[in-house]
């Protein structure tokens, strides 16, 4: 489990908000594909098994909060 957490944080670590860019569109894509949350996590935390509506809200929230490719390009241009 720790390896999964470490890998996930390398892509999206909320503790580093404001210090680096995030890939909100990539995180949203993982949820859309059903790759997140991990099945082992859902097995041990059944409440993490999202309904279709919850998934859609979560995906939209990721995109709005962390942005997509256009926001990442703007971030890179500012740096």
C-alpha atoms as a PDB file:
ATOM      1  CA  UNK A   1       0.000   0.000   0.000  1.00  0.00           C
ATOM      2  CA  UNK A   2       2.809   2.446   0.836  1.00  0.00           C
ATOM      3  CA  UNK A   3       4.245   2.029  -2.657  1.00  0.00           C
ATOM      4  CA  UNK A   4       0.861   3.010  -4.116  1.00  0.00           C
ATOM      5  CA  UNK A   5       0.720   6.076  -1.868  1.00  0.00           C
ATOM      6  CA  UNK A   6       4.271   7.099  -2.752  1.00  0.00           C
ATOM      7  CA  UNK A   7       3.630   6.716  -6.468  1.00  0.00           C
ATOM      8  CA  UNK A   8       0.356   8.613  -6.237  1.00  0.00           C
ATOM      9  CA  UNK A   9       1.979  11.474  -4.360  1.00  0.00           C
ATOM     10  CA  UNK A  10       4.648  11.745  -7.036  1.00  0.00           C
ATOM     11  CA  UNK A  11       1.830  12.681  -9.428  1.00  0.00           C
ATOM     12  CA  UNK A  12      -0.546  14.590  -7.158  1.00  0.00           C
ATOM     13  CA  UNK A  13       0.572  15.704  -3.703  1.00  0.00           C
ATOM     14  CA  UNK A  14      -1.781  18.242  -2.165  1.00  0.00           C
ATOM     15  CA  UNK A  15       0.895  19.124   0.413  1.00  0.00           C
ATOM     16  CA  UNK A  16       2.898  20.681  -2.428  1.00  0.00           C
ATOM     17  CA  UNK A  17       0.038  22.844  -3.697  1.00  0.00           C
ATOM     18  CA  UNK A  18       1.423  26.113  -4.984  1.00  0.00           C
ATOM     19  CA  UNK A  19       4.981  24.847  -5.288  1.00  0.00           C
ATOM     20  CA  UNK A  20       4.581  22.747  -8.430  1.00  0.00           C
ATOM     21  CA  UNK A  21       2.111  22.055 -11.186  1.00  0.00           C
ATOM     22  CA  UNK A  22      -0.444  19.297 -10.927  1.00  0.00           C
ATOM     23  CA  UNK A  23      -1.885  17.094 -13.611  1.00  0.00           C
ATOM     24  CA  UNK A  24      -5.578  17.376 -12.842  1.00  0.00           C
ATOM     25  CA  UNK A  25      -6.541  16.048 -16.233  1.00  0.00           C
ATOM     26  CA  UNK A  26      -4.394  12.942 -15.720  1.00  0.00           C
ATOM     27  CA  UNK A  27      -5.906  12.281 -12.304  1.00  0.00           C
ATOM     28  CA  UNK A  28      -9.381  12.730 -13.771  1.00  0.00           C
ATOM     29  CA  UNK A  29      -8.525  10.302 -16.565  1.00  0.00           C
ATOM     30  CA  UNK A  30      -7.452   7.670 -14.013  1.00  0.00           C
ATOM     31  CA  UNK A  31     -10.860   7.963 -12.349  1.00  0.00           C
ATOM     32  CA  UNK A  32     -12.684   7.910 -15.702  1.00  0.00           C
ATOM     33  CA  UNK A  33     -10.885   4.709 -16.723  1.00  0.00           C
ATOM     34  CA  UNK A  34     -11.747   3.067 -13.407  1.00  0.00           C
ATOM     35  CA  UNK A  35      -8.082   2.826 -12.432  1.00  0.00           C
ATOM     36  CA  UNK A  36      -8.675   4.945  -9.341  1.00  0.00           C
ATOM     37  CA  UNK A  37      -9.481   4.317  -6.641  1.00  0.00           C
ATOM     38  CA  UNK A  38      -7.476   1.106  -6.642  1.00  0.00           C
ATOM     39  CA  UNK A  39      -9.580  -2.030  -6.287  1.00  0.00           C
ATOM     40  CA  UNK A  40      -7.686  -3.071  -3.138  1.00  0.00           C
ATOM     41  CA  UNK A  41      -8.582   0.277  -1.591  1.00  0.00           C
ATOM     42  CA  UNK A  42     -12.260  -0.093  -2.494  1.00  0.00           C
ATOM     43  CA  UNK A  43     -12.196  -3.625  -1.093  1.00  0.00           C
ATOM     44  CA  UNK A  44     -10.949  -2.398   2.279  1.00  0.00           C
ATOM     45  CA  UNK A  45     -12.933   0.879   2.154  1.00  0.00           C
ATOM     46  CA  UNK A  46     -16.292   0.118   0.494  1.00  0.00           C
ATOM     47  CA  UNK A  47     -17.388   3.731   0.910  1.00  0.00           C
ATOM     48  CA  UNK A  48     -14.770   4.617  -1.728  1.00  0.00           C
ATOM     49  CA  UNK A  49     -16.821   2.772  -4.356  1.00  0.00           C
ATOM     50  CA  UNK A  50     -18.243   5.834  -6.091  1.00  0.00           C
ATOM     51  CA  UNK A  51     -21.532   5.991  -7.936  1.00  0.00           C
ATOM     52  CA  UNK A  52     -21.510   7.252 -11.524  1.00  0.00           C
ATOM     53  CA  UNK A  53     -22.715  10.653 -10.311  1.00  0.00           C
ATOM     54  CA  UNK A  54     -20.067  10.860  -7.595  1.00  0.00           C
ATOM     55  CA  UNK A  55     -17.369   9.920 -10.106  1.00  0.00           C
ATOM     56  CA  UNK A  56     -18.510  12.643 -12.475  1.00  0.00           C
ATOM     57  CA  UNK A  57     -18.497  15.243  -9.692  1.00  0.00           C
ATOM     58  CA  UNK A  58     -15.053  14.102  -8.553  1.00  0.00           C
ATOM     59  CA  UNK A  59     -13.665  14.239 -12.093  1.00  0.00           C
ATOM     60  CA  UNK A  60     -15.079  17.718 -12.623  1.00  0.00           C
ATOM     61  CA  UNK A  61     -13.670  18.837  -9.275  1.00  0.00           C
ATOM     62  CA  UNK A  62     -10.198  17.549 -10.159  1.00  0.00           C
ATOM     63  CA  UNK A  63     -10.247  19.406 -13.454  1.00  0.00           C
ATOM     64  CA  UNK A  64     -11.557  22.634 -11.943  1.00  0.00           C
ATOM     65  CA  UNK A  65      -9.237  22.546  -8.932  1.00  0.00           C
ATOM     66  CA  UNK A  66      -5.996  21.377 -10.500  1.00  0.00           C
ATOM     67  CA  UNK A  67      -6.582  22.262 -14.112  1.00  0.00           C
ATOM     68  CA  UNK A  68      -5.835  20.564 -17.337  1.00  0.00           C
ATOM     69  CA  UNK A  69      -3.301  20.996 -20.086  1.00  0.00           C
ATOM     70  CA  UNK A  70      -4.098  24.658 -20.798  1.00  0.00           C
ATOM     71  CA  UNK A  71      -3.658  25.618 -17.145  1.00  0.00           C
ATOM     72  CA  UNK A  72      -0.390  23.658 -16.983  1.00  0.00           C
ATOM     73  CA  UNK A  73       0.937  25.508 -20.017  1.00  0.00           C
ATOM     74  CA  UNK A  74       0.065  28.827 -18.369  1.00  0.00           C
ATOM     75  CA  UNK A  75       1.877  27.695 -15.193  1.00  0.00           C
ATOM     76  CA  UNK A  76       5.000  26.779 -17.165  1.00  0.00           C
ATOM     77  CA  UNK A  77       4.973  30.120 -18.981  1.00  0.00           C
ATOM     78  CA  UNK A  78       4.799  31.973 -15.647  1.00  0.00           C
ATOM     79  CA  UNK A  79       7.832  30.097 -14.276  1.00  0.00           C
END
